[in-house]
Amino acid sequence: MTAVRASDIHIEPREHVIALRYRVVGHLQEIRRFEPRSLIQPIASRIKVMGGMDISEKRLPQDGRIHVRDHIPEAKDFDSRPPWMLDDEDEDLLAA
């Protein structure tokens, strides 16, 4: 797998799938789609826990900080500050 230097990672619920998109050099690129769409809530909860956010808060945006090596020891050392965005039906994640 080739390393990607993404400035943002977007996890977006769509009608039937979840889209994973990276922002590379200012352009969003769809990397992968996941099914079923119902996975968005477990994914959202896990990222919120890792980022020290309140998993019960679904109405207001939240900021968190993830130190990846705290959760995946073999990962390269990097931090993520995932702001949680809201839309009409589901939560979207933008990790910058």
N, C-alpha and C. Protein backbone atom coordinates (compact mmCIF):
# COMPACT_ATOMS: atom_id res chain seq x y z
N MET A 1 0.84 -1.18 0.00
CA MET A 1 0.00 0.00 0.00
C MET A 1 0.88 1.24 0.00
N THR A 2 0.62 2.18 -0.87
CA THR A 2 1.39 3.40 -1.00
C THR A 2 0.94 4.41 0.05
N ALA A 3 1.89 5.10 0.65
CA ALA A 3 1.56 6.13 1.64
C ALA A 3 0.90 7.31 0.95
N VAL A 4 -0.11 7.87 1.60
CA VAL A 4 -0.84 9.02 1.07
C VAL A 4 -0.65 10.16 2.05
N ARG A 5 -0.29 11.32 1.56
CA ARG A 5 -0.11 12.50 2.40
C ARG A 5 -1.38 13.33 2.38
N ALA A 6 -2.39 12.87 3.08
CA ALA A 6 -3.69 13.54 3.12
C ALA A 6 -3.70 14.57 4.25
N SER A 7 -4.28 15.73 3.97
CA SER A 7 -4.43 16.74 5.02
C SER A 7 -5.71 16.52 5.82
N ASP A 8 -6.73 15.91 5.21
CA ASP A 8 -8.00 15.63 5.86
C ASP A 8 -8.46 14.23 5.47
N ILE A 9 -9.21 13.61 6.37
CA ILE A 9 -9.88 12.35 6.08
C ILE A 9 -11.36 12.56 6.37
N HIS A 10 -12.21 12.28 5.40
CA HIS A 10 -13.66 12.45 5.56
C HIS A 10 -14.32 11.08 5.58
N ILE A 11 -15.16 10.84 6.57
CA ILE A 11 -15.98 9.63 6.64
C ILE A 11 -17.42 10.11 6.54
N GLU A 12 -18.06 9.80 5.43
CA GLU A 12 -19.36 10.40 5.11
C GLU A 12 -20.43 9.35 4.86
N PRO A 13 -21.53 9.38 5.63
CA PRO A 13 -22.64 8.48 5.32
C PRO A 13 -23.35 8.95 4.06
N ARG A 14 -23.59 8.02 3.16
CA ARG A 14 -24.35 8.31 1.95
C ARG A 14 -25.67 7.53 2.03
N GLU A 15 -26.42 7.51 0.96
CA GLU A 15 -27.73 6.86 1.00
C GLU A 15 -27.65 5.38 1.39
N HIS A 16 -26.73 4.63 0.76
CA HIS A 16 -26.64 3.19 1.03
C HIS A 16 -25.26 2.74 1.51
N VAL A 17 -24.28 3.63 1.48
CA VAL A 17 -22.91 3.26 1.83
C VAL A 17 -22.28 4.35 2.69
N ILE A 18 -21.06 4.08 3.14
CA ILE A 18 -20.23 5.06 3.82
C ILE A 18 -19.05 5.33 2.89
N ALA A 19 -18.79 6.60 2.60
CA ALA A 19 -17.67 6.96 1.72
C ALA A 19 -16.49 7.43 2.56
N LEU A 20 -15.30 6.95 2.21
CA LEU A 20 -14.05 7.39 2.82
C LEU A 20 -13.33 8.23 1.78
N ARG A 21 -13.08 9.50 2.13
CA ARG A 21 -12.42 10.40 1.18
C ARG A 21 -11.23 11.08 1.84
N TYR A 22 -10.15 11.25 1.08
CA TYR A 22 -8.95 11.96 1.53
C TYR A 22 -8.85 13.27 0.77
N ARG A 23 -8.38 14.31 1.47
CA ARG A 23 -8.05 15.56 0.79
C ARG A 23 -6.54 15.56 0.57
N VAL A 24 -6.14 15.53 -0.69
CA VAL A 24 -4.73 15.52 -1.07
C VAL A 24 -4.52 16.70 -2.01
N VAL A 25 -3.60 17.57 -1.65
CA VAL A 25 -3.28 18.76 -2.43
C VAL A 25 -4.56 19.54 -2.79
N GLY A 26 -5.43 19.70 -1.81
CA GLY A 26 -6.63 20.51 -1.98
C GLY A 26 -7.80 19.85 -2.66
N HIS A 27 -7.68 18.60 -3.08
CA HIS A 27 -8.76 17.91 -3.79
C HIS A 27 -9.21 16.68 -3.01
N LEU A 28 -10.54 16.54 -2.87
CA LEU A 28 -11.08 15.35 -2.21
C LEU A 28 -11.10 14.19 -3.18
N GLN A 29 -10.57 13.05 -2.74
CA GLN A 29 -10.55 11.85 -3.55
C GLN A 29 -11.24 10.73 -2.78
N GLU A 30 -12.23 10.11 -3.41
CA GLU A 30 -12.88 8.97 -2.75
C GLU A 30 -11.94 7.78 -2.83
N ILE A 31 -11.65 7.22 -1.67
CA ILE A 31 -10.70 6.12 -1.57
C ILE A 31 -11.43 4.78 -1.52
N ARG A 32 -12.53 4.75 -0.78
CA ARG A 32 -13.23 3.48 -0.59
C ARG A 32 -14.67 3.73 -0.17
N ARG A 33 -15.53 2.75 -0.44
CA ARG A 33 -16.91 2.75 0.05
C ARG A 33 -17.11 1.51 0.91
N PHE A 34 -17.87 1.68 1.98
CA PHE A 34 -18.15 0.57 2.89
C PHE A 34 -19.64 0.31 2.93
N GLU A 35 -20.01 -0.95 3.01
CA GLU A 35 -21.39 -1.35 3.22
C GLU A 35 -21.41 -2.26 4.45
N PRO A 36 -22.45 -2.28 5.19
CA PRO A 36 -23.67 -1.51 5.05
C PRO A 36 -23.51 -0.12 5.69
N ARG A 37 -24.38 0.77 5.32
CA ARG A 37 -24.37 2.13 5.84
C ARG A 37 -24.57 2.14 7.35
N SER A 38 -25.21 1.13 7.89
CA SER A 38 -25.48 1.05 9.32
C SER A 38 -24.20 0.99 10.16
N LEU A 39 -23.04 0.79 9.54
CA LEU A 39 -21.78 0.78 10.28
C LEU A 39 -21.37 2.17 10.78
N ILE A 40 -22.03 3.23 10.30
CA ILE A 40 -21.61 4.58 10.66
C ILE A 40 -21.68 4.82 12.16
N GLN A 41 -22.70 4.33 12.84
CA GLN A 41 -22.80 4.58 14.28
C GLN A 41 -21.69 3.89 15.08
N PRO A 42 -21.37 2.61 14.83
CA PRO A 42 -20.24 2.01 15.56
C PRO A 42 -18.91 2.70 15.23
N ILE A 43 -18.71 3.10 13.98
CA ILE A 43 -17.48 3.81 13.59
C ILE A 43 -17.43 5.15 14.32
N ALA A 44 -18.53 5.88 14.30
CA ALA A 44 -18.59 7.18 14.97
C ALA A 44 -18.31 7.04 16.47
N SER A 45 -18.90 6.06 17.11
CA SER A 45 -18.69 5.86 18.54
C SER A 45 -17.24 5.54 18.85
N ARG A 46 -16.63 4.68 18.05
CA ARG A 46 -15.23 4.29 18.29
C ARG A 46 -14.30 5.49 18.14
N ILE A 47 -14.49 6.29 17.12
CA ILE A 47 -13.63 7.45 16.91
C ILE A 47 -13.85 8.48 18.02
N LYS A 48 -15.10 8.64 18.46
CA LYS A 48 -15.37 9.56 19.56
C LYS A 48 -14.66 9.11 20.84
N VAL A 49 -14.72 7.81 21.15
CA VAL A 49 -14.04 7.29 22.34
C VAL A 49 -12.54 7.52 22.22
N MET A 50 -11.96 7.20 21.08
CA MET A 50 -10.52 7.39 20.88
C MET A 50 -10.14 8.86 21.01
N GLY A 51 -11.04 9.77 20.61
CA GLY A 51 -10.75 11.20 20.64
C GLY A 51 -11.17 11.89 21.93
N GLY A 52 -11.66 11.12 22.91
CA GLY A 52 -12.04 11.71 24.18
C GLY A 52 -13.31 12.55 24.10
N MET A 53 -14.20 12.24 23.16
CA MET A 53 -15.43 12.99 23.00
C MET A 53 -16.60 12.26 23.66
N ASP A 54 -17.69 12.97 23.82
CA ASP A 54 -18.90 12.43 24.43
C ASP A 54 -19.70 11.67 23.36
N ILE A 55 -19.80 10.34 23.51
CA ILE A 55 -20.50 9.56 22.48
C ILE A 55 -22.00 9.79 22.48
N SER A 56 -22.53 10.33 23.57
CA SER A 56 -23.98 10.57 23.62
C SER A 56 -24.39 11.90 22.97
N GLU A 57 -23.42 12.79 22.76
CA GLU A 57 -23.74 14.10 22.16
C GLU A 57 -23.83 13.97 20.65
N LYS A 58 -25.02 14.21 20.13
CA LYS A 58 -25.24 14.08 18.68
C LYS A 58 -25.75 15.37 18.06
N ARG A 59 -26.03 16.40 18.89
CA ARG A 59 -26.60 17.64 18.35
C ARG A 59 -25.56 18.72 18.11
N LEU A 60 -24.49 18.75 18.89
CA LEU A 60 -23.49 19.81 18.80
C LEU A 60 -22.18 19.28 18.26
N PRO A 61 -21.44 20.09 17.48
CA PRO A 61 -20.12 19.66 17.01
C PRO A 61 -19.17 19.49 18.20
N GLN A 62 -18.22 18.59 18.06
CA GLN A 62 -17.23 18.35 19.10
C GLN A 62 -15.84 18.28 18.49
N ASP A 63 -14.84 18.62 19.29
CA ASP A 63 -13.44 18.46 18.89
C ASP A 63 -12.81 17.42 19.80
N GLY A 64 -11.91 16.64 19.25
CA GLY A 64 -11.19 15.65 20.03
C GLY A 64 -9.75 15.57 19.55
N ARG A 65 -8.97 14.74 20.18
CA ARG A 65 -7.58 14.54 19.77
C ARG A 65 -7.27 13.06 19.93
N ILE A 66 -6.76 12.46 18.87
CA ILE A 66 -6.39 11.04 18.89
C ILE A 66 -4.89 10.92 18.71
N HIS A 67 -4.24 10.25 19.65
CA HIS A 67 -2.83 9.88 19.51
C HIS A 67 -2.85 8.43 19.03
N VAL A 68 -2.60 8.23 17.77
CA VAL A 68 -2.81 6.92 17.14
C VAL A 68 -1.98 5.83 17.80
N ARG A 69 -0.77 6.13 18.19
CA ARG A 69 0.07 5.10 18.81
C ARG A 69 -0.47 4.63 20.16
N ASP A 70 -1.32 5.41 20.81
CA ASP A 70 -1.95 4.96 22.05
C ASP A 70 -2.92 3.82 21.79
N HIS A 71 -3.46 3.74 20.57
CA HIS A 71 -4.47 2.75 20.22
C HIS A 71 -3.95 1.65 19.31
N ILE A 72 -2.94 1.98 18.50
CA ILE A 72 -2.36 1.01 17.55
C ILE A 72 -0.84 1.14 17.67
N PRO A 73 -0.21 0.37 18.57
CA PRO A 73 1.22 0.55 18.84
C PRO A 73 2.13 0.44 17.62
N GLU A 74 1.76 -0.38 16.64
CA GLU A 74 2.63 -0.55 15.46
C GLU A 74 2.43 0.54 14.41
N ALA A 75 1.51 1.47 14.65
CA ALA A 75 1.25 2.55 13.69
C ALA A 75 2.36 3.59 13.76
N LYS A 76 2.53 4.32 12.66
CA LYS A 76 3.45 5.45 12.67
C LYS A 76 2.91 6.49 13.64
N ASP A 77 3.80 7.28 14.21
CA ASP A 77 3.40 8.26 15.20
C ASP A 77 2.78 9.49 14.52
N PHE A 78 1.49 9.69 14.70
CA PHE A 78 0.83 10.91 14.25
C PHE A 78 -0.39 11.16 15.10
N ASP A 79 -0.77 12.40 15.17
CA ASP A 79 -1.94 12.81 15.93
C ASP A 79 -3.04 13.23 14.98
N SER A 80 -4.25 13.08 15.42
CA SER A 80 -5.40 13.52 14.65
C SER A 80 -6.32 14.32 15.56
N ARG A 81 -6.84 15.40 15.03
CA ARG A 81 -7.80 16.21 15.77
C ARG A 81 -9.12 16.14 15.03
N PRO A 82 -9.96 15.14 15.36
CA PRO A 82 -11.19 14.97 14.60
C PRO A 82 -12.33 15.89 15.05
N PRO A 83 -12.63 16.93 14.29
CA PRO A 83 -13.84 17.68 14.61
C PRO A 83 -15.05 16.91 14.09
N TRP A 84 -16.07 16.83 14.87
CA TRP A 84 -17.26 16.06 14.50
C TRP A 84 -18.27 17.00 13.90
N MET A 85 -18.74 16.74 12.70
CA MET A 85 -19.68 17.59 12.00
C MET A 85 -21.05 16.92 12.01
N LEU A 86 -22.09 17.71 11.94
CA LEU A 86 -23.44 17.19 11.95
C LEU A 86 -24.15 17.53 10.65
N ASP A 87 -25.00 16.62 10.19
CA ASP A 87 -25.88 16.96 9.08
C ASP A 87 -27.31 16.61 9.52
N ASP A 88 -28.24 16.60 8.60
CA ASP A 88 -29.63 16.43 8.98
C ASP A 88 -29.94 15.08 9.62
N GLU A 89 -29.29 14.01 9.17
CA GLU A 89 -29.65 12.68 9.65
C GLU A 89 -28.55 11.99 10.44
N ASP A 90 -27.31 12.15 10.02
CA ASP A 90 -26.20 11.42 10.62
C ASP A 90 -25.06 12.35 10.96
N GLU A 91 -24.12 11.80 11.68
CA GLU A 91 -22.91 12.51 11.98
C GLU A 91 -21.89 12.21 10.88
N ASP A 92 -21.14 13.24 10.50
CA ASP A 92 -20.02 13.08 9.57
C ASP A 92 -18.74 13.30 10.36
N LEU A 93 -17.67 12.66 9.96
CA LEU A 93 -16.39 12.85 10.63
C LEU A 93 -15.42 13.48 9.66
N LEU A 94 -14.72 14.49 10.14
CA LEU A 94 -13.63 15.10 9.39
C LEU A 94 -12.44 15.05 10.31
N ALA A 95 -11.44 14.24 9.99
CA ALA A 95 -10.21 14.16 10.79
C ALA A 95 -9.13 14.95 10.08
N ALA A 96 -8.64 15.97 10.74
CA ALA A 96 -7.62 16.83 10.13
C ALA A 96 -6.31 16.69 10.88
